[in-house]
N, C-alpha and C. Protein backbone atom coordinates (compact mmCIF):
# COMPACT_ATOMS: atom_id res chain seq x y z
N MET A 1 0.52 -1.15 0.24
CA MET A 1 -0.31 0.59 0.51
C MET A 1 0.61 1.16 0.80
N ARG A 2 2.11 1.36 0.90
CA ARG A 2 2.69 2.49 0.93
C ARG A 2 4.01 2.90 -0.35
N ASP A 3 3.68 1.94 -1.25
CA ASP A 3 4.40 2.13 -2.30
C ASP A 3 3.62 2.18 -2.90
N GLN A 4 1.86 2.21 -2.65
CA GLN A 4 1.67 2.40 -4.78
C GLN A 4 1.10 3.90 -4.62
N ARG A 5 0.56 4.41 -2.87
CA ARG A 5 1.08 4.84 -2.46
C ARG A 5 2.16 6.36 -2.56
N GLU A 6 3.38 5.68 -2.85
CA GLU A 6 4.59 6.17 -3.05
C GLU A 6 4.90 6.40 -4.49
N GLN A 7 3.91 5.29 -5.60
CA GLN A 7 5.02 5.44 -6.36
C GLN A 7 3.24 6.51 -7.21
N SER A 8 1.59 6.34 -6.38
CA SER A 8 1.04 7.77 -6.78
C SER A 8 1.78 8.76 -7.11
N GLN A 9 2.14 9.14 -5.83
CA GLN A 9 2.43 10.47 -5.71
C GLN A 9 3.84 10.62 -7.08
N LYS A 10 4.47 10.06 -7.00
CA LYS A 10 5.97 10.28 -7.96
C LYS A 10 5.33 10.13 -9.17
N GLU A 11 3.66 9.31 -9.57
CA GLU A 11 3.43 9.59 -10.62
C GLU A 11 3.23 10.90 -11.04
N THR A 12 2.10 11.66 -10.22
CA THR A 12 1.34 12.66 -9.90
C THR A 12 2.55 14.11 -10.25
N LYS A 13 3.78 13.75 -9.16
CA LYS A 13 5.48 14.73 -9.45
C LYS A 13 5.50 14.77 -10.84
N ARG A 14 5.56 13.09 -11.77
CA ARG A 14 5.77 13.07 -12.85
C ARG A 14 5.01 14.09 -13.45
N LYS A 15 3.45 14.07 -13.85
CA LYS A 15 2.93 14.50 -14.53
C LYS A 15 2.62 15.49 -14.24
N GLN A 16 2.74 16.65 -13.47
CA GLN A 16 3.06 18.19 -12.74
C GLN A 16 3.90 18.98 -13.39
N LYS A 17 5.30 17.93 -13.12
CA LYS A 17 6.64 18.62 -13.57
C LYS A 17 6.12 18.56 -15.58
N HIS A 18 5.93 17.59 -16.09
CA HIS A 18 5.84 17.97 -17.17
C HIS A 18 4.82 18.23 -17.14
N ALA A 19 3.76 18.98 -16.89
CA ALA A 19 2.87 19.63 -17.65
C ALA A 19 3.56 21.63 -17.30
N ALA A 20 4.41 21.17 -16.08
CA ALA A 20 5.07 22.58 -16.15
C ALA A 20 6.09 22.63 -17.96
N GLU A 21 6.79 21.89 -17.63
CA GLU A 21 7.45 21.50 -18.73
C GLU A 21 6.80 22.11 -20.27
N GLU A 22 5.44 21.77 -20.36
CA GLU A 22 5.62 21.98 -21.88
C GLU A 22 4.60 23.34 -21.41
N ALA A 23 3.55 23.62 -20.42
CA ALA A 23 3.17 25.42 -20.39
C ALA A 23 4.59 25.83 -20.49
N LYS A 24 5.99 25.70 -20.06
CA LYS A 24 7.74 26.44 -20.49
C LYS A 24 7.48 26.30 -22.07
N ARG A 25 6.77 25.09 -23.05
CA ARG A 25 7.92 24.82 -23.87
C ARG A 25 6.40 25.83 -25.14
N ALA A 26 5.55 25.44 -24.68
CA ALA A 26 3.92 26.47 -25.21
C ALA A 26 4.03 28.01 -25.47
N ALA A 27 4.64 28.67 -24.08
CA ALA A 27 4.93 29.47 -23.60
C ALA A 27 6.52 30.66 -24.75
N LYS A 28 7.32 29.52 -25.28
CA LYS A 28 8.93 29.63 -25.49
C LYS A 28 7.96 29.55 -27.28
N GLU A 29 7.61 28.50 -27.89
CA GLU A 29 7.11 28.47 -29.24
C GLU A 29 6.70 29.93 -29.55
N GLN A 30 5.21 30.13 -28.13
CA GLN A 30 5.13 31.52 -28.23
C GLN A 30 5.61 32.64 -28.69
N GLU A 31 6.67 32.66 -27.79
CA GLU A 31 7.27 34.33 -28.07
C GLU A 31 8.07 33.81 -29.11
N ARG A 32 8.94 32.27 -29.75
CA ARG A 32 9.14 32.54 -31.56
C ARG A 32 8.32 33.24 -31.94
N LYS A 33 7.47 32.75 -32.20
CA LYS A 33 6.26 33.05 -33.01
C LYS A 33 6.31 34.62 -33.02
N LYS A 34 5.91 35.65 -31.91
CA LYS A 34 5.87 36.04 -31.51
C LYS A 34 7.33 37.53 -32.85
N VAL A 35 7.92 37.19 -32.07
CA VAL A 35 8.90 36.82 -32.76
C VAL A 35 9.41 37.10 -33.92
N TYR A 36 9.02 36.81 -34.65
CA TYR A 36 9.12 35.48 -36.24
C TYR A 36 8.39 36.95 -36.88
N LEU A 37 7.24 36.88 -35.97
CA LEU A 37 6.22 38.03 -36.80
C LEU A 37 6.46 39.19 -37.42
N ALA A 38 6.72 40.17 -36.60
CA ALA A 38 7.44 40.82 -36.11
C ALA A 38 8.85 40.88 -36.54
N LYS A 39 9.35 40.49 -36.88
CA LYS A 39 10.67 40.80 -38.40
C LYS A 39 9.98 40.40 -39.22
N GLU A 40 9.39 39.88 -39.45
CA GLU A 40 8.84 39.48 -40.92
C GLU A 40 7.62 40.79 -41.04
N GLN A 41 7.46 41.63 -40.30
CA GLN A 41 6.71 42.44 -40.45
C GLN A 41 7.51 43.61 -40.79
N ALA A 42 8.35 43.31 -40.43
CA ALA A 42 9.51 44.97 -40.33
C ALA A 42 9.87 44.16 -41.46
N ILE A 43 9.80 43.69 -42.19
CA ILE A 43 10.94 43.05 -43.22
C ILE A 43 10.13 43.75 -44.21
N GLU A 44 8.59 43.36 -43.86
CA GLU A 44 7.90 44.06 -44.78
C GLU A 44 7.28 45.04 -44.83
N LYS A 45 8.33 45.36 -44.63
CA LYS A 45 7.63 47.45 -44.10
C LYS A 45 8.48 48.50 -44.41
N ALA A 46 9.67 47.86 -44.45
CA ALA A 46 10.88 48.11 -45.84
C ALA A 46 11.17 47.97 -46.72
N SER A 47 10.80 46.68 -46.86
CA SER A 47 10.49 47.13 -48.44
C SER A 47 9.17 47.35 -49.62
N ASP A 48 8.06 47.66 -48.43
CA ASP A 48 7.12 48.86 -48.96
C ASP A 48 7.97 50.41 -49.32
N SER A 49 8.72 50.58 -47.81
CA SER A 49 9.13 51.67 -48.54
C SER A 49 10.16 51.67 -49.13
N ARG A 50 11.00 50.65 -49.47
CA ARG A 50 11.94 51.31 -50.99
C ARG A 50 11.22 50.84 -51.94
N GLN A 51 10.14 49.56 -51.72
CA GLN A 51 9.51 49.72 -52.90
C GLN A 51 8.55 51.01 -54.20
N ILE A 52 7.94 52.25 -52.76
CA ILE A 52 7.62 53.01 -52.97
C ILE A 52 8.85 53.86 -53.93
N GLU A 53 9.76 54.22 -52.63
CA GLU A 53 11.10 55.16 -53.41
C GLU A 53 11.37 54.88 -54.66
N ARG A 54 10.96 53.29 -55.16
CA ARG A 54 11.52 53.33 -56.47
C ARG A 54 10.17 53.47 -57.12
N ALA A 55 9.74 53.64 -57.11
CA ALA A 55 7.89 54.08 -57.93
C ALA A 55 8.87 55.49 -57.69
N GLU A 56 8.73 56.43 -56.80
CA GLU A 56 8.99 57.86 -57.30
C GLU A 56 10.07 58.35 -57.27
N LYS A 57 11.41 57.51 -57.34
CA LYS A 57 12.64 58.02 -58.21
C LYS A 57 12.26 57.38 -59.52
N ARG A 58 11.91 56.68 -59.94
CA ARG A 58 10.59 56.52 -61.63
C ARG A 58 9.82 57.78 -62.00
N ALA A 59 8.86 57.73 -60.87
CA ALA A 59 8.21 59.11 -61.75
C ALA A 59 8.97 60.31 -61.51
N THR A 60 9.96 60.57 -60.88
CA THR A 60 10.38 61.46 -61.41
C THR A 60 11.57 61.80 -62.05
N GLY A 61 12.33 60.41 -62.41
CA GLY A 61 12.93 60.16 -63.89
C GLY A 61 11.90 60.44 -65.26
N GLU A 62 10.92 59.27 -65.56
CA GLU A 62 9.78 59.46 -66.44
C GLU A 62 9.24 61.76 -66.28
N SER A 63 8.93 61.86 -65.51
CA SER A 63 8.91 63.43 -65.80
C SER A 63 10.31 64.36 -66.80
N GLY A 64 10.92 63.52 -65.26
CA GLY A 64 12.54 64.06 -66.39
C GLY A 64 12.40 63.46 -68.35
N GLN A 65 12.28 62.44 -68.05
CA GLN A 65 12.35 62.05 -69.97
C GLN A 65 11.54 63.04 -70.41
N LEU A 66 9.94 63.05 -69.61
CA LEU A 66 9.28 63.55 -70.40
C LEU A 66 9.57 65.17 -71.24
N ALA A 67 10.07 65.21 -70.43
CA ALA A 67 11.11 67.25 -70.47
C ALA A 67 12.28 67.22 -72.07
N ARG A 68 12.34 66.10 -71.22
CA ARG A 68 13.63 65.79 -72.73
C ARG A 68 12.73 65.72 -73.76
N ASP A 69 11.94 65.10 -73.87
CA ASP A 69 10.74 64.66 -75.31
C ASP A 69 11.00 65.65 -75.43
N GLN A 70 10.01 66.00 -74.55
CA GLN A 70 9.89 67.68 -75.27
C GLN A 70 10.56 67.99 -75.89
N ALA A 71 11.28 68.33 -74.92
CA ALA A 71 12.52 69.77 -75.34
C ALA A 71 13.08 69.48 -76.40
N ARG A 72 12.97 68.30 -76.55
CA ARG A 72 13.96 67.59 -78.32
C ARG A 72 12.87 67.35 -79.43
N LYS A 73 11.65 67.64 -78.66
CA LYS A 73 10.66 67.69 -80.13
C LYS A 73 10.43 69.35 -80.89
N ASN A 74 10.49 70.24 -79.89
CA ASN A 74 11.09 71.77 -80.22
C ASN A 74 11.66 71.79 -81.01
N ALA A 75 13.02 71.74 -80.30
CA ALA A 75 14.45 71.24 -81.17
C ALA A 75 13.59 70.92 -82.59
N TYR A 76 13.25 69.30 -82.89
CA TYR A 76 13.64 69.57 -84.27
C TYR A 76 12.03 70.30 -84.92
N SER A 77 10.87 70.28 -83.78
CA SER A 77 9.85 71.47 -85.25
C SER A 77 11.00 72.40 -85.02
N ALA A 78 11.84 73.18 -84.66
CA ALA A 78 12.50 74.54 -84.26
C ALA A 78 13.28 74.47 -86.03
N ARG A 79 14.24 73.64 -86.36
CA ARG A 79 15.09 73.17 -86.59
C ARG A 79 14.24 72.63 -88.46
N GLU A 80 13.33 72.59 -88.71
CA GLU A 80 12.33 72.31 -89.86
C GLU A 80 11.74 73.11 -89.93
N LYS A 81 11.17 73.92 -88.70
CA LYS A 81 11.08 75.24 -89.17
C LYS A 81 12.22 76.53 -89.86
N LYS A 82 12.98 76.24 -89.26
CA LYS A 82 14.03 77.56 -90.35
C LYS A 82 14.86 76.89 -91.14
N ILE A 83 14.77 75.11 -91.73
CA ILE A 83 14.59 75.59 -92.97
C ILE A 83 13.86 75.43 -94.06
N ALA A 84 12.87 75.14 -93.41
CA ALA A 84 11.49 75.76 -94.13
C ALA A 84 11.22 76.87 -94.82
N GLU A 85 12.10 77.96 -94.10
CA GLU A 85 11.59 79.15 -94.74
C GLU A 85 13.29 79.25 -95.46
N ALA A 86 14.26 79.15 -94.67
CA ALA A 86 14.53 78.99 -95.58
C ALA A 86 14.68 78.67 -97.33
N GLN A 87 14.55 77.60 -97.47
CA GLN A 87 14.53 77.11 -98.85
C GLN A 87 13.43 78.23 -99.50
N GLU A 88 11.83 79.01 -98.22
CA GLU A 88 11.64 79.76 -99.20
C GLU A 88 11.71 80.61 -99.35
N ALA A 89 12.62 80.73 -98.88
CA ALA A 89 13.32 82.77 -98.86
C ALA A 89 13.88 82.16 -100.58
N ARG A 90 14.83 81.46 -100.31
CA ARG A 90 15.47 80.86 -101.53
C ARG A 90 15.33 80.82 -102.58
N ARG A 91 14.08 80.39 -103.15
CA ARG A 91 12.84 79.92 -103.45
C ARG A 91 12.40 81.24 -104.06
N LEU A 92 12.13 81.95 -103.14
CA LEU A 92 11.70 83.74 -103.76
C LEU A 92 12.58 84.32 -104.32
N ARG A 93 14.03 84.61 -103.66
CA ARG A 93 15.21 85.02 -104.16
C ARG A 93 15.22 84.36 -105.79
N ASP A 94 15.40 83.27 -105.83
CA ASP A 94 15.80 82.77 -107.36
C ASP A 94 14.91 83.82 -108.08
N LYS A 95 13.12 83.43 -108.03
CA LYS A 95 12.54 84.33 -108.29
C LYS A 95 12.32 85.17 -108.96
N LYS A 96 13.64 86.10 -107.97
CA LYS A 96 12.56 87.57 -108.02
C LYS A 96 14.19 87.67 -109.38
N GLN A 97 15.64 86.78 -108.96
CA GLN A 97 16.65 86.96 -110.56
C GLN A 97 15.91 86.00 -111.54
N PRO A 98 16.66 87.76 -112.60
CA PRO A 98 16.50 86.50 -114.14
C PRO A 98 17.09 85.81 -113.78
N PRO A 99 17.05 84.52 -114.80
CA PRO A 99 17.71 84.38 -115.43
C PRO A 99 18.68 84.29 -116.19
N GLU A 100 20.40 83.85 -115.65
CA GLU A 100 21.56 84.47 -116.58
C GLU A 100 22.07 83.68 -117.88
């Protein structure tokens, strides 16, 4: 009877110890998950901010490119206009001069 009682007490202690260890393990695992999720969120936030920076840089570059394209078109149009005016002036000058 004494052996049974002692064994029952030992078994109870073992179960309590096991339950305490299991609770510790669960708490550690929960803390590990918390830390992991916090890291993931930090990474995602950093990624989002880098993506925003790239988009802003791209938008700035595109607007600069649009301005350069417009300036190039304007310069081309001005050259074409000058050429057309020069041709017209030559044509009028040739018309006024009698053929020799």
